[in-house]
N, C-alpha and C. Protein backbone atom coordinates (compact mmCIF):
# COMPACT_ATOMS: atom_id res chain seq x y z
N UNK A 1 -36.67 -37.06 -5.89
CA UNK A 1 -37.59 -36.09 -5.22
C UNK A 1 -37.29 -34.79 -5.62
N UNK A 2 -38.41 -33.98 -5.84
CA UNK A 2 -38.28 -32.50 -6.19
C UNK A 2 -38.18 -31.68 -4.80
N UNK A 3 -37.58 -30.40 -5.08
CA UNK A 3 -37.42 -29.59 -3.98
C UNK A 3 -38.03 -28.15 -4.43
N UNK A 4 -38.69 -27.55 -3.54
CA UNK A 4 -39.21 -26.28 -3.94
C UNK A 4 -38.21 -25.11 -3.50
N UNK A 5 -37.87 -24.22 -4.42
CA UNK A 5 -36.98 -23.23 -4.22
C UNK A 5 -37.76 -22.04 -4.20
N UNK A 6 -37.32 -21.03 -3.21
CA UNK A 6 -37.88 -19.68 -3.20
C UNK A 6 -37.83 -18.97 -4.45
N UNK A 7 -38.85 -18.57 -4.99
CA UNK A 7 -38.88 -17.86 -6.19
C UNK A 7 -37.81 -16.68 -6.49
N UNK A 8 -37.70 -15.98 -5.40
CA UNK A 8 -36.88 -14.85 -5.36
C UNK A 8 -35.28 -15.14 -5.29
N UNK A 9 -35.06 -16.04 -4.43
CA UNK A 9 -33.67 -16.47 -4.32
C UNK A 9 -33.34 -17.33 -5.68
N UNK A 10 -34.12 -17.88 -6.37
CA UNK A 10 -33.92 -18.60 -7.54
C UNK A 10 -33.49 -17.55 -8.68
N UNK A 11 -33.94 -16.40 -8.66
CA UNK A 11 -33.86 -15.32 -9.54
C UNK A 11 -32.88 -14.23 -9.17
N UNK A 12 -32.21 -14.48 -8.19
CA UNK A 12 -31.19 -13.35 -7.60
C UNK A 12 -30.13 -13.21 -8.86
N UNK A 13 -29.82 -11.86 -9.06
CA UNK A 13 -28.98 -11.40 -10.16
C UNK A 13 -29.48 -11.59 -11.61
N UNK A 14 -30.42 -12.44 -11.82
CA UNK A 14 -31.19 -12.55 -13.04
C UNK A 14 -32.23 -11.59 -13.31
N UNK A 15 -33.13 -11.57 -12.25
CA UNK A 15 -34.29 -10.68 -12.15
C UNK A 15 -34.28 -9.63 -11.00
N UNK A 16 -34.03 -10.24 -9.85
CA UNK A 16 -34.07 -9.51 -8.64
C UNK A 16 -32.62 -9.18 -7.99
N UNK A 17 -32.52 -8.49 -6.95
CA UNK A 17 -31.27 -8.21 -6.21
C UNK A 17 -31.51 -8.33 -4.98
N UNK A 18 -30.26 -8.33 -4.04
CA UNK A 18 -30.36 -8.54 -2.68
C UNK A 18 -31.25 -7.29 -1.80
N UNK A 19 -31.78 -7.71 -0.92
CA UNK A 19 -32.41 -6.69 -0.22
C UNK A 19 -31.48 -5.98 0.87
N UNK A 20 -30.28 -6.56 1.06
CA UNK A 20 -29.29 -5.98 1.89
C UNK A 20 -27.98 -6.04 0.94
N UNK A 21 -27.50 -4.57 0.72
CA UNK A 21 -26.18 -4.52 -0.05
C UNK A 21 -25.12 -3.74 0.70
N UNK A 22 -23.98 -4.10 0.44
CA UNK A 22 -22.74 -3.36 0.86
C UNK A 22 -21.58 -4.25 0.71
N UNK A 23 -20.36 -3.68 1.09
CA UNK A 23 -19.11 -4.39 1.13
C UNK A 23 -18.69 -4.68 2.53
N UNK A 24 -18.70 -6.05 2.92
CA UNK A 24 -18.18 -6.27 4.23
C UNK A 24 -16.96 -6.86 4.28
N UNK A 25 -15.80 -6.17 4.77
CA UNK A 25 -14.48 -6.74 4.96
C UNK A 25 -14.47 -7.68 6.19
N UNK A 26 -15.17 -7.43 7.27
CA UNK A 26 -15.15 -8.31 8.36
C UNK A 26 -16.41 -7.99 9.24
N UNK A 27 -16.68 -8.75 10.15
CA UNK A 27 -18.10 -8.57 11.03
C UNK A 27 -19.26 -8.98 10.37
N UNK A 28 -19.34 -9.75 9.21
CA UNK A 28 -20.55 -9.84 8.55
C UNK A 28 -21.59 -10.32 9.46
N UNK A 29 -21.32 -11.17 10.35
CA UNK A 29 -22.39 -11.68 11.26
C UNK A 29 -23.08 -10.64 12.00
N UNK A 30 -22.30 -9.72 12.60
CA UNK A 30 -22.92 -8.53 13.30
C UNK A 30 -23.68 -7.72 12.34
N UNK A 31 -23.16 -7.29 11.15
CA UNK A 31 -24.18 -6.58 10.15
C UNK A 31 -25.48 -7.11 9.82
N UNK A 32 -25.36 -8.62 9.79
CA UNK A 32 -26.54 -9.20 9.45
C UNK A 32 -27.47 -9.27 10.58
N UNK A 33 -27.11 -9.34 11.79
CA UNK A 33 -28.04 -9.21 12.95
C UNK A 33 -28.47 -7.90 13.01
N UNK A 34 -27.69 -6.87 12.71
CA UNK A 34 -28.22 -5.43 12.83
C UNK A 34 -29.30 -5.22 11.67
N UNK A 35 -29.02 -5.73 10.46
CA UNK A 35 -30.17 -5.64 9.44
C UNK A 35 -31.44 -6.44 10.08
N UNK A 36 -31.29 -7.48 10.59
CA UNK A 36 -32.52 -8.23 11.09
C UNK A 36 -33.17 -7.36 12.13
N UNK A 37 -32.35 -6.58 13.08
CA UNK A 37 -33.09 -5.71 14.07
C UNK A 37 -33.57 -4.63 13.37
N UNK A 38 -33.00 -4.00 12.40
CA UNK A 38 -33.64 -2.86 11.83
C UNK A 38 -35.03 -3.23 11.17
N UNK A 39 -34.95 -4.22 10.43
CA UNK A 39 -36.20 -4.77 9.75
C UNK A 39 -37.44 -4.99 10.70
N UNK A 40 -37.00 -5.71 11.90
CA UNK A 40 -37.88 -6.04 12.91
C UNK A 40 -38.44 -4.95 13.50
N UNK A 41 -37.54 -4.05 13.85
CA UNK A 41 -38.07 -2.71 14.50
C UNK A 41 -39.03 -1.80 13.60
N UNK A 42 -38.74 -1.74 12.28
CA UNK A 42 -39.55 -0.89 11.49
C UNK A 42 -41.16 -1.77 11.25
N UNK A 43 -40.93 -2.86 11.11
CA UNK A 43 -42.26 -3.76 10.99
C UNK A 43 -43.08 -3.75 12.17
N UNK A 44 -42.37 -3.59 13.24
CA UNK A 44 -43.40 -3.50 14.56
C UNK A 44 -43.93 -2.11 14.69
N UNK A 45 -43.12 -1.05 14.40
CA UNK A 45 -43.57 0.43 14.42
C UNK A 45 -44.55 0.75 13.48
N UNK A 46 -44.53 0.35 12.13
CA UNK A 46 -45.47 0.72 11.28
C UNK A 46 -46.55 -0.30 11.18
N UNK A 47 -47.85 0.21 10.95
CA UNK A 47 -49.03 -0.49 10.70
C UNK A 47 -48.75 -1.67 9.65
N UNK A 48 -49.61 -2.65 9.78
CA UNK A 48 -49.53 -3.87 8.86
C UNK A 48 -50.09 -3.32 7.54
N UNK A 49 -49.53 -3.96 6.52
CA UNK A 49 -50.15 -3.48 5.18
C UNK A 49 -49.39 -2.03 4.57
N UNK A 50 -48.62 -1.57 5.30
CA UNK A 50 -47.97 -0.27 4.83
C UNK A 50 -46.75 -0.46 4.15
N UNK A 51 -45.79 -1.46 4.55
CA UNK A 51 -44.42 -1.51 4.07
C UNK A 51 -44.40 -2.69 3.12
N UNK A 52 -44.06 -2.56 1.78
CA UNK A 52 -43.83 -3.73 0.86
C UNK A 52 -42.48 -4.43 1.37
N UNK A 53 -41.44 -3.66 1.24
CA UNK A 53 -40.17 -4.22 1.59
C UNK A 53 -39.29 -3.15 2.21
N UNK A 54 -38.23 -3.78 2.74
CA UNK A 54 -37.18 -2.81 3.34
C UNK A 54 -35.87 -3.24 2.74
N UNK A 55 -35.04 -2.28 1.96
CA UNK A 55 -33.73 -2.56 1.51
C UNK A 55 -32.77 -1.66 2.26
N UNK A 56 -31.52 -2.26 2.66
CA UNK A 56 -30.63 -1.65 3.29
C UNK A 56 -29.29 -1.63 2.52
N UNK A 57 -28.81 -0.45 2.34
CA UNK A 57 -27.46 -0.28 1.74
C UNK A 57 -26.62 0.36 2.77
N UNK A 58 -25.42 -0.39 2.78
CA UNK A 58 -24.20 -0.13 3.74
C UNK A 58 -23.08 0.50 2.94
N UNK A 59 -22.57 1.82 3.64
CA UNK A 59 -21.50 2.36 3.12
C UNK A 59 -20.36 2.33 4.25
N UNK A 60 -19.14 2.83 3.99
CA UNK A 60 -18.16 2.79 5.10
C UNK A 60 -18.61 3.45 6.37
N UNK A 61 -19.32 4.52 6.27
CA UNK A 61 -19.71 5.28 7.73
C UNK A 61 -21.23 5.70 7.62
N UNK A 62 -21.93 5.18 6.79
CA UNK A 62 -23.32 5.44 6.65
C UNK A 62 -24.28 4.19 6.28
N UNK A 63 -25.47 4.17 6.78
CA UNK A 63 -26.50 3.29 6.45
C UNK A 63 -27.72 3.93 5.92
N UNK A 64 -28.06 3.29 4.76
CA UNK A 64 -29.13 3.78 4.11
C UNK A 64 -30.40 2.90 4.19
N UNK A 65 -31.45 3.27 4.61
CA UNK A 65 -32.56 2.35 4.78
C UNK A 65 -33.71 2.79 3.91
N UNK A 66 -34.25 1.94 2.97
CA UNK A 66 -35.04 2.31 1.96
C UNK A 66 -36.32 1.50 2.21
N UNK A 67 -37.41 2.38 2.37
CA UNK A 67 -38.71 1.83 2.62
C UNK A 67 -39.74 1.91 1.48
N UNK A 68 -40.19 0.79 0.88
CA UNK A 68 -41.02 0.79 -0.12
C UNK A 68 -42.49 0.77 0.45
N UNK A 69 -43.19 1.66 0.10
CA UNK A 69 -44.61 1.80 0.90
C UNK A 69 -45.58 2.24 -0.02
N UNK A 70 -46.90 1.76 0.29
CA UNK A 70 -47.99 2.18 -0.47
C UNK A 70 -48.62 3.45 0.06
N UNK A 71 -48.20 3.80 1.26
CA UNK A 71 -48.91 4.92 1.85
C UNK A 71 -47.85 5.80 2.65
N UNK A 72 -47.02 6.54 1.65
CA UNK A 72 -45.81 7.26 2.20
C UNK A 72 -46.39 8.40 3.01
N UNK A 73 -47.48 8.92 2.96
CA UNK A 73 -47.98 9.96 3.96
C UNK A 73 -48.07 9.53 5.35
N UNK A 74 -48.52 8.21 5.51
CA UNK A 74 -48.59 7.76 6.78
C UNK A 74 -47.28 7.62 7.49
N UNK A 75 -46.14 7.16 6.71
CA UNK A 75 -44.88 6.94 7.22
C UNK A 75 -44.19 8.22 7.47
N UNK A 76 -44.29 9.18 6.65
CA UNK A 76 -43.57 10.57 6.86
C UNK A 76 -44.42 11.37 7.87
N UNK A 77 -45.48 11.22 8.02
CA UNK A 77 -46.29 11.94 9.08
C UNK A 77 -46.48 13.55 8.75
N UNK A 78 -47.21 14.27 9.59
CA UNK A 78 -47.39 15.61 9.38
C UNK A 78 -46.11 16.47 9.62
N UNK A 79 -45.68 17.06 8.59
CA UNK A 79 -44.49 17.93 8.49
C UNK A 79 -43.14 17.04 8.75
N UNK A 80 -43.36 15.85 8.34
CA UNK A 80 -42.10 14.86 8.51
C UNK A 80 -41.92 14.47 9.80
N UNK A 81 -42.84 14.50 10.68
CA UNK A 81 -42.53 14.14 12.13
C UNK A 81 -42.45 12.68 12.20
N UNK A 82 -43.26 11.93 11.56
CA UNK A 82 -43.16 10.40 11.62
C UNK A 82 -41.79 9.99 11.27
N UNK A 83 -41.42 10.37 10.01
CA UNK A 83 -40.06 9.82 9.63
C UNK A 83 -38.81 10.23 10.54
N UNK A 84 -38.98 11.43 11.12
CA UNK A 84 -37.96 11.96 12.01
C UNK A 84 -37.93 11.14 13.32
N UNK A 85 -39.18 10.81 13.81
CA UNK A 85 -39.28 10.06 14.99
C UNK A 85 -38.66 8.61 14.76
N UNK A 86 -38.92 7.89 13.60
CA UNK A 86 -38.44 6.66 13.24
C UNK A 86 -36.92 6.68 13.19
N UNK A 87 -36.32 7.69 12.63
CA UNK A 87 -34.89 7.87 12.53
C UNK A 87 -34.22 8.05 13.89
N UNK A 88 -34.92 8.95 14.68
CA UNK A 88 -34.17 8.98 15.98
C UNK A 88 -34.22 7.68 16.89
N UNK A 89 -35.25 7.03 16.74
CA UNK A 89 -35.53 5.73 17.44
C UNK A 89 -34.53 4.80 16.87
N UNK A 90 -34.28 4.79 15.71
CA UNK A 90 -33.25 3.69 14.96
C UNK A 90 -32.04 4.15 15.50
N UNK A 91 -31.52 5.32 15.46
CA UNK A 91 -30.27 5.75 15.74
C UNK A 91 -30.09 5.30 17.28
N UNK A 92 -30.92 5.50 18.08
CA UNK A 92 -30.72 5.18 19.43
C UNK A 92 -30.66 3.59 19.64
N UNK A 93 -31.34 2.90 18.92
CA UNK A 93 -31.28 1.49 18.88
C UNK A 93 -30.15 0.87 18.31
N UNK A 94 -29.55 1.41 17.28
CA UNK A 94 -28.61 0.65 16.31
C UNK A 94 -27.21 1.47 16.54
N UNK A 95 -27.10 2.72 16.24
CA UNK A 95 -25.84 3.54 16.11
C UNK A 95 -25.31 3.78 17.60
N UNK A 96 -26.14 4.08 18.59
CA UNK A 96 -25.53 4.33 19.83
C UNK A 96 -25.37 3.30 20.74
N UNK A 97 -25.85 2.11 20.43
CA UNK A 97 -25.67 0.97 21.25
C UNK A 97 -24.31 0.50 21.13
N UNK A 98 -23.60 0.70 19.95
CA UNK A 98 -22.11 0.26 19.68
C UNK A 98 -21.25 1.45 19.53
N UNK A 99 -20.80 2.00 20.50
CA UNK A 99 -19.92 3.22 20.25
C UNK A 99 -18.73 3.01 19.41
N UNK A 100 -18.27 1.79 19.24
CA UNK A 100 -17.13 1.59 18.35
C UNK A 100 -17.34 1.44 16.80
N UNK A 101 -18.76 1.31 16.55
CA UNK A 101 -19.20 1.03 15.26
C UNK A 101 -18.73 2.37 14.40
N UNK A 102 -17.95 1.98 13.08
CA UNK A 102 -17.80 2.89 12.26
C UNK A 102 -19.02 3.78 11.48
N UNK A 103 -20.22 3.37 11.75
CA UNK A 103 -21.31 3.91 11.23
C UNK A 103 -21.70 5.18 11.99
N UNK A 104 -21.77 6.30 11.38
CA UNK A 104 -21.85 7.66 11.98
C UNK A 104 -23.36 8.27 11.47
N UNK A 105 -23.87 7.72 10.52
CA UNK A 105 -25.06 8.45 9.87
C UNK A 105 -25.91 7.39 9.39
N UNK A 106 -27.31 7.73 9.64
CA UNK A 106 -28.42 6.78 9.38
C UNK A 106 -29.34 7.64 8.55
N UNK A 107 -29.70 7.13 7.20
CA UNK A 107 -30.63 7.91 6.22
C UNK A 107 -31.64 6.92 5.95
N UNK A 108 -32.84 7.56 6.01
CA UNK A 108 -34.02 6.79 5.58
C UNK A 108 -34.80 7.48 4.27
N UNK A 109 -35.00 6.58 3.39
CA UNK A 109 -35.60 6.98 2.05
C UNK A 109 -36.97 6.27 2.03
N UNK A 110 -37.91 7.07 1.29
CA UNK A 110 -39.15 6.67 1.08
C UNK A 110 -39.41 6.49 -0.46
N UNK A 111 -39.76 5.27 -0.87
CA UNK A 111 -40.12 5.01 -2.33
C UNK A 111 -41.71 4.69 -2.33
N UNK A 112 -42.50 5.37 -3.06
CA UNK A 112 -44.02 5.07 -3.22
C UNK A 112 -44.19 3.93 -3.99
N UNK A 113 -45.06 3.06 -3.62
CA UNK A 113 -45.49 1.92 -4.39
C UNK A 113 -46.66 2.26 -4.99
N UNK A 114 -46.55 2.34 -6.40
CA UNK A 114 -47.85 3.00 -7.13
C UNK A 114 -49.10 2.29 -6.98
N UNK A 115 -48.97 0.93 -7.23
CA UNK A 115 -50.14 -0.01 -7.22
C UNK A 115 -50.00 -1.12 -6.22
N UNK A 116 -50.53 -1.02 -5.21
CA UNK A 116 -50.32 -2.06 -4.06
C UNK A 116 -50.61 -3.57 -4.58
N UNK A 117 -51.60 -3.58 -5.38
CA UNK A 117 -52.20 -4.83 -5.84
C UNK A 117 -51.32 -5.69 -6.93
N UNK A 118 -50.17 -4.84 -7.30
CA UNK A 118 -49.20 -5.56 -8.10
C UNK A 118 -48.24 -6.03 -7.25
N UNK A 119 -48.13 -5.81 -6.06
CA UNK A 119 -47.21 -6.17 -5.00
C UNK A 119 -47.73 -7.43 -4.23
N UNK A 120 -46.86 -8.61 -4.28
CA UNK A 120 -47.17 -9.78 -3.86
C UNK A 120 -47.08 -9.65 -2.20
N UNK A 121 -46.25 -8.84 -1.64
CA UNK A 121 -46.18 -8.59 -0.14
C UNK A 121 -47.51 -7.84 0.42
N UNK A 122 -47.79 -6.74 -0.20
CA UNK A 122 -48.94 -6.07 0.14
C UNK A 122 -50.21 -6.78 0.01
N UNK A 123 -50.22 -7.52 -1.02
CA UNK A 123 -51.37 -8.32 -1.21
C UNK A 123 -51.63 -9.38 -0.06
N UNK A 124 -50.48 -10.07 0.18
CA UNK A 124 -50.47 -11.18 1.32
C UNK A 124 -50.88 -10.52 2.64
N UNK A 125 -50.14 -9.32 2.88
CA UNK A 125 -50.70 -8.64 4.17
C UNK A 125 -52.20 -8.32 4.27
N UNK A 126 -52.67 -7.87 3.11
CA UNK A 126 -54.18 -7.43 3.08
C UNK A 126 -54.95 -8.80 3.29
N UNK A 127 -54.55 -9.99 2.80
CA UNK A 127 -55.24 -11.25 2.99
C UNK A 127 -55.17 -11.67 4.48
N UNK A 128 -53.86 -11.44 5.14
CA UNK A 128 -53.82 -11.84 6.46
C UNK A 128 -54.78 -10.98 7.38
N UNK A 129 -54.76 -9.77 6.96
CA UNK A 129 -55.73 -8.85 7.83
C UNK A 129 -57.24 -9.19 7.77
N UNK A 130 -57.56 -9.56 6.40
CA UNK A 130 -59.04 -10.14 6.23
C UNK A 130 -59.25 -11.47 7.09
N UNK A 131 -58.43 -12.36 7.01
CA UNK A 131 -58.56 -13.62 7.66
C UNK A 131 -58.60 -13.50 9.22
N UNK A 132 -57.86 -12.40 9.67
CA UNK A 132 -57.89 -12.21 11.17
C UNK A 132 -59.12 -11.52 11.63
N UNK A 133 -59.72 -10.93 10.49
CA UNK A 133 -61.04 -10.34 10.75
C UNK A 133 -62.20 -11.13 10.48
N UNK A 134 -61.86 -12.52 10.41
CA UNK A 134 -62.82 -13.62 10.29
C UNK A 134 -63.84 -13.57 9.06
N UNK A 135 -63.05 -12.97 7.84
CA UNK A 135 -63.86 -13.07 6.56
C UNK A 135 -63.47 -14.48 6.04
N UNK A 136 -64.65 -15.04 5.53
CA UNK A 136 -64.30 -16.48 4.98
C UNK A 136 -63.04 -16.54 4.02
N UNK A 137 -62.34 -17.67 4.19
CA UNK A 137 -61.17 -17.64 3.40
C UNK A 137 -61.34 -17.79 1.80
N UNK A 138 -62.47 -18.43 1.39
CA UNK A 138 -62.89 -18.44 -0.03
C UNK A 138 -63.02 -17.13 -0.55
N UNK A 139 -63.74 -16.21 0.10
CA UNK A 139 -63.87 -14.85 -0.25
C UNK A 139 -62.76 -14.23 -0.39
N UNK A 140 -61.84 -14.25 0.70
CA UNK A 140 -60.62 -13.68 0.58
C UNK A 140 -59.76 -14.10 -0.54
N UNK A 141 -59.80 -15.27 -0.93
CA UNK A 141 -59.05 -15.85 -2.03
C UNK A 141 -59.50 -15.29 -3.37
N UNK A 142 -60.75 -15.33 -3.63
CA UNK A 142 -61.52 -14.65 -4.71
C UNK A 142 -61.23 -13.35 -4.73
N UNK A 143 -61.43 -12.41 -3.79
CA UNK A 143 -61.13 -11.02 -4.03
C UNK A 143 -59.84 -10.76 -4.25
N UNK A 144 -58.88 -11.35 -3.55
CA UNK A 144 -57.39 -11.00 -3.71
C UNK A 144 -57.02 -11.40 -5.18
N UNK A 145 -57.20 -12.47 -5.57
CA UNK A 145 -57.06 -13.02 -7.07
C UNK A 145 -57.66 -11.85 -8.01
N UNK A 146 -58.92 -11.70 -7.90
CA UNK A 146 -59.57 -10.73 -8.80
C UNK A 146 -58.92 -9.33 -8.86
N UNK A 147 -58.68 -8.81 -7.53
CA UNK A 147 -57.87 -7.50 -7.80
C UNK A 147 -56.49 -7.46 -8.29
N UNK A 148 -55.82 -8.65 -8.03
CA UNK A 148 -54.48 -8.72 -8.62
C UNK A 148 -54.41 -8.76 -10.12
N UNK A 149 -55.38 -9.70 -10.69
CA UNK A 149 -55.32 -10.01 -11.97
C UNK A 149 -55.79 -8.84 -12.89
N UNK A 150 -56.49 -8.03 -12.28
CA UNK A 150 -57.00 -6.75 -13.05
C UNK A 150 -55.95 -5.79 -13.41
N UNK A 151 -54.79 -5.89 -12.85
CA UNK A 151 -53.73 -4.97 -13.01
C UNK A 151 -52.96 -5.13 -14.38
N UNK A 152 -52.63 -4.12 -15.13
CA UNK A 152 -52.27 -4.20 -16.39
C UNK A 152 -51.03 -4.96 -16.62
N UNK A 153 -49.97 -4.88 -15.66
CA UNK A 153 -48.94 -5.52 -15.81
C UNK A 153 -48.67 -7.07 -15.38
N UNK A 154 -49.80 -7.41 -14.78
CA UNK A 154 -49.94 -8.68 -14.19
C UNK A 154 -50.55 -9.80 -15.16
N UNK A 155 -49.79 -10.77 -15.51
CA UNK A 155 -50.24 -11.76 -16.70
C UNK A 155 -50.62 -13.11 -15.99
N UNK A 156 -50.38 -13.16 -14.71
CA UNK A 156 -50.74 -14.45 -13.90
C UNK A 156 -50.52 -14.28 -12.45
N UNK A 157 -51.33 -15.15 -11.69
CA UNK A 157 -50.99 -15.04 -10.11
C UNK A 157 -51.73 -16.23 -9.55
N UNK A 158 -51.19 -16.52 -8.35
CA UNK A 158 -51.71 -17.69 -7.42
C UNK A 158 -51.77 -17.18 -6.07
N UNK A 159 -52.68 -17.46 -5.41
CA UNK A 159 -52.93 -17.13 -3.96
C UNK A 159 -53.20 -18.49 -3.13
N UNK A 160 -52.63 -18.49 -1.96
CA UNK A 160 -52.84 -19.74 -1.23
C UNK A 160 -52.89 -19.51 0.17
N UNK A 161 -53.90 -20.22 0.86
CA UNK A 161 -53.82 -20.07 2.26
C UNK A 161 -53.79 -21.71 2.83
N UNK A 162 -53.23 -21.73 3.97
CA UNK A 162 -52.91 -23.14 4.72
C UNK A 162 -53.11 -23.01 6.28
N UNK A 163 -53.67 -24.03 6.82
CA UNK A 163 -53.86 -24.15 8.21
C UNK A 163 -55.29 -24.60 8.46
N UNK A 164 -55.64 -24.33 9.65
CA UNK A 164 -57.11 -24.76 10.17
C UNK A 164 -57.94 -23.52 9.62
N UNK A 165 -58.40 -23.85 8.33
CA UNK A 165 -59.13 -22.79 7.69
C UNK A 165 -60.65 -22.80 8.25
N UNK A 166 -61.26 -21.55 8.68
CA UNK A 166 -62.32 -21.47 9.30
C UNK A 166 -62.52 -22.14 10.58
N UNK A 167 -61.45 -22.64 11.14
CA UNK A 167 -61.47 -23.35 12.52
C UNK A 167 -61.65 -24.71 12.43
N UNK A 168 -61.57 -25.42 11.48
CA UNK A 168 -61.83 -26.84 11.23
C UNK A 168 -60.66 -27.53 11.93
N UNK A 169 -60.92 -28.91 12.34
CA UNK A 169 -60.12 -29.51 13.18
C UNK A 169 -58.80 -29.99 12.16
N UNK A 170 -59.10 -30.38 11.05
CA UNK A 170 -57.83 -30.77 10.28
C UNK A 170 -57.36 -29.84 9.36
N UNK A 171 -56.06 -29.45 9.34
CA UNK A 171 -55.47 -28.37 8.53
C UNK A 171 -55.40 -28.70 7.06
N UNK A 172 -55.57 -27.80 6.27
CA UNK A 172 -55.41 -28.17 4.79
C UNK A 172 -55.01 -26.97 3.96
N UNK A 173 -54.74 -27.03 2.89
CA UNK A 173 -54.38 -26.07 1.94
C UNK A 173 -55.24 -25.85 0.71
N UNK A 174 -55.56 -24.59 0.58
CA UNK A 174 -56.61 -24.04 -0.47
C UNK A 174 -55.78 -23.08 -1.43
N UNK A 175 -56.09 -23.13 -2.63
CA UNK A 175 -55.46 -22.03 -3.37
C UNK A 175 -56.29 -21.84 -4.82
N UNK A 176 -56.05 -20.69 -5.34
CA UNK A 176 -56.70 -20.31 -6.53
C UNK A 176 -55.54 -19.86 -7.48
N UNK A 177 -55.83 -19.85 -8.66
CA UNK A 177 -54.80 -19.51 -9.81
C UNK A 177 -55.60 -18.90 -10.89
N UNK A 178 -54.91 -17.90 -11.77
CA UNK A 178 -55.43 -17.30 -12.97
C UNK A 178 -54.34 -17.11 -13.79
N UNK A 179 -54.37 -17.20 -15.07
CA UNK A 179 -53.42 -16.76 -16.00
C UNK A 179 -52.12 -17.70 -15.91
N UNK A 180 -50.94 -17.25 -16.43
CA UNK A 180 -49.64 -17.93 -16.51
C UNK A 180 -48.97 -17.75 -15.40
N UNK A 181 -48.06 -18.78 -14.83
CA UNK A 181 -47.18 -18.76 -13.64
C UNK A 181 -46.11 -19.73 -13.97
N UNK A 182 -45.07 -19.39 -14.92
CA UNK A 182 -44.01 -20.24 -15.32
C UNK A 182 -42.82 -20.21 -14.13
N UNK A 183 -42.93 -20.92 -13.17
CA UNK A 183 -42.11 -20.78 -11.94
C UNK A 183 -40.78 -21.53 -12.19
N UNK A 184 -40.51 -22.20 -13.24
CA UNK A 184 -39.33 -22.87 -13.50
C UNK A 184 -38.53 -21.99 -14.60
N UNK A 185 -39.03 -20.92 -15.01
CA UNK A 185 -38.33 -20.12 -15.90
C UNK A 185 -37.66 -18.83 -15.46
N UNK A 186 -36.26 -19.00 -15.54
CA UNK A 186 -35.44 -17.90 -14.86
C UNK A 186 -35.78 -16.46 -15.23
N UNK A 187 -36.06 -16.29 -16.57
CA UNK A 187 -36.62 -14.99 -17.01
C UNK A 187 -37.76 -14.39 -16.54
N UNK A 188 -38.57 -15.41 -16.01
CA UNK A 188 -39.88 -14.98 -15.52
C UNK A 188 -39.87 -14.13 -14.37
N UNK A 189 -40.41 -12.76 -14.51
CA UNK A 189 -40.49 -11.83 -13.44
C UNK A 189 -41.71 -12.28 -12.34
N UNK A 190 -41.37 -13.11 -11.34
CA UNK A 190 -42.21 -13.55 -10.40
C UNK A 190 -42.17 -12.85 -9.19
N UNK A 191 -43.02 -12.07 -8.80
CA UNK A 191 -43.14 -11.38 -7.30
C UNK A 191 -43.64 -12.52 -6.19
N UNK A 192 -43.07 -12.69 -5.11
CA UNK A 192 -43.61 -13.64 -4.25
C UNK A 192 -43.40 -13.22 -2.86
N UNK A 193 -44.47 -13.55 -2.01
CA UNK A 193 -44.37 -12.98 -0.66
C UNK A 193 -45.07 -14.06 0.23
N UNK A 194 -44.88 -13.99 1.48
CA UNK A 194 -45.53 -14.95 2.51
C UNK A 194 -46.19 -13.90 3.52
N UNK A 195 -47.24 -14.31 4.43
CA UNK A 195 -47.70 -13.68 5.40
C UNK A 195 -48.36 -14.71 6.40
N UNK A 196 -48.57 -14.30 7.65
CA UNK A 196 -49.26 -15.03 8.59
C UNK A 196 -50.46 -14.42 9.15
N UNK A 197 -51.42 -15.19 9.30
CA UNK A 197 -52.78 -14.56 10.00
C UNK A 197 -52.86 -15.39 11.25
N UNK A 198 -52.89 -14.55 12.35
CA UNK A 198 -52.89 -15.15 13.76
C UNK A 198 -54.27 -15.11 14.23
N UNK A 199 -54.95 -16.29 14.25
CA UNK A 199 -56.42 -16.52 14.54
C UNK A 199 -56.53 -17.04 15.84
N UNK A 200 -57.66 -17.23 16.38
CA UNK A 200 -57.84 -17.85 17.68
C UNK A 200 -57.58 -19.26 17.68
N UNK A 201 -57.82 -19.97 16.49
CA UNK A 201 -57.63 -21.42 16.33
C UNK A 201 -56.33 -21.73 15.72
N UNK A 202 -55.35 -20.82 15.74
CA UNK A 202 -54.01 -21.15 15.19
C UNK A 202 -53.75 -20.00 14.07
N UNK A 203 -52.37 -20.33 13.47
CA UNK A 203 -51.89 -19.66 12.56
C UNK A 203 -52.21 -20.10 11.09
N UNK A 204 -52.68 -19.06 10.34
CA UNK A 204 -52.93 -19.52 8.78
C UNK A 204 -51.74 -18.81 7.89
N UNK A 205 -51.07 -19.70 7.31
CA UNK A 205 -49.99 -19.34 6.29
C UNK A 205 -50.67 -18.81 4.99
N UNK A 206 -50.15 -17.81 4.42
CA UNK A 206 -50.42 -17.11 3.16
C UNK A 206 -49.41 -16.90 2.38
N UNK A 207 -49.57 -17.43 0.95
CA UNK A 207 -48.67 -17.19 -0.09
C UNK A 207 -49.07 -16.59 -1.28
N UNK A 208 -48.33 -15.71 -1.94
CA UNK A 208 -48.94 -14.98 -3.16
C UNK A 208 -47.81 -14.93 -4.17
N UNK A 209 -48.04 -15.47 -5.31
CA UNK A 209 -47.21 -15.37 -6.50
C UNK A 209 -47.85 -14.33 -7.65
N UNK A 210 -47.09 -13.51 -8.13
CA UNK A 210 -47.57 -12.65 -9.15
C UNK A 210 -46.63 -12.77 -10.35
N UNK A 211 -47.19 -13.09 -11.45
CA UNK A 211 -46.11 -12.99 -12.78
C UNK A 211 -46.38 -11.79 -13.47
N UNK A 212 -45.30 -11.15 -13.79
CA UNK A 212 -45.45 -9.93 -14.55
C UNK A 212 -44.91 -9.92 -15.87
N UNK A 213 -44.49 -11.18 -16.49
CA UNK A 213 -43.96 -11.35 -17.85
C UNK A 213 -42.49 -11.73 -17.63
N UNK A 214 -41.79 -11.83 -18.72
CA UNK A 214 -40.30 -12.04 -18.95
C UNK A 214 -39.45 -10.83 -19.21
N UNK A 215 -38.46 -10.94 -18.32
CA UNK A 215 -37.42 -9.97 -18.53
C UNK A 215 -36.27 -10.58 -19.30
N UNK A 216 -35.68 -9.95 -20.45
CA UNK A 216 -34.81 -10.37 -21.31
C UNK A 216 -33.37 -9.81 -20.92
């Protein structure tokens, strides 16, 4: 039997890197839980379709949270008020909760994503928003694939939805593909993301693969 492997985990250290980085002498489970809470908090606070991914770097006395976003102005806010509010809320939630924690400083960095349609995460979030707005799933698949494949660096893509599509009784999977998508090649730079659309008739799962060539 064959087993499907997560495309990003399959390429860790070959093409991609971990989203959480740092040196952990002890208490790894606590740090892992803390990273999960940070990502969950930021995902809930910021509008959907704004954040591509969240990277966390840990130092002996500092945490650096890196937000990759297609709309940095929305995250930063007028005169930096938005980012300062996020930072203060995170500090109250994470740093001040455990007074024995060695972490004394929290830093938030913003990195602008130049082309949202070259990002699998942002494309999947857009598809979820469209399906929640009751746009027919076939139109969503065609529009998403068309916008992704017109990008210069994209050599191939696949978009997929699964669930009770358009409210039918029996769940099924539908997908579209264009170009090349060598999922078994470790050198292949494949961006992959999942999202969920919460509809009246149930949850629709969304998956997006974007192939950007080989990295030697």
